[in-house]
Amino acid sequence: MSRCAAIAAAAAALLVLPASALAKTTADFTFKSDGTAATPGAVNFGQPGTYQDIPFTIAPDDADGAVSIAIHWDNQFDDWDLYVYKKNSTGGLDQVGSSAGGPPSQDEATVVTATSGPLDPGSYVIRAQNYAASSPNFTGFAKFSNFIPANVIPTASLAVPATAASGQPVTLDASGSRDPDGRIVNYAWDLDGNGSIETDGGASATLVRTFTTGVHHVTVRVTDDKGARAYANKTVTVGSSASAKPTPAPGKKHFRKSRKKHRHRH
């Protein structure tokens, strides 16, 4: 597979995304030689007549993650170079991509990729440079892929009672966990404090367990819908049933009865 075909395949794969993840992208387009780059520029590289510029624009509301650009020609012993520029505020050209191999070859391809966000909007130029080609003819394409924001790691939260009685059901509650850019799909637990997750709670954020007398370190691992994980841990101190103090039912108060003191008259 040629570099040109590989770039096209990669661009197509990037576009196979859930509809909810897609946003407006710049329209793909093709281009071809107009015959102006007829003079090889090996000696006078970049001089008029040695290259052809193909302009395109990325609109402010386009969310492009990358643009794949390629040119193709027929004679494998011809030599073309490919450059991509973005116009700056003074009208100059800042290089953002390039591919400059040598014969035998019939294509050059490059990918301009976004870094911390979508590709910057503005005016761009594709330059097909005749480095040492006998024919000025070529064809090319530009394919745009959607910008996919990086997954944000979820936040794990765990609430447990600080103390409990041996054999008393204890509710482990991770429902306070959050995923800012999706949802949490799995809760898993380390209940014996050995550092290994051994209990899969599935999609349920709570788990009810009983513990023996002693200090127990409990960990929950949450996993979001893109596979990112986060952890939270708590400690439960468990006493024997005989020594455990009864917990008043909610809303009820316990009063201590006092004895009346009787005065004796003499």
Foldseek 3Di string as FASTA:
>chain_A
DAPQVVLVVVLVVLAPDPPVQFFAADDKDKFKFPQQLQDACQPPWPDGSQKDKDKDWTDPRHFFFKKKKKKFDDQQQFFKKKWKWFQDPVRDTDTQWIFGDHGSDGMTMIMRGDDQGGDDTHMMMMMIGRNGGNGRIMMMIMHTGGRGHDFDAKAWDWDWDQEEAAPDKTKIAGPVIGGPPFAWFWKFKDWAPPPDTDGTPGRDRMDIDGDHAAKIKMKIWIAGPVGHIDMDIDIYGYHHPVPDDDDDDPPDDDDDDDDDDDDDDD
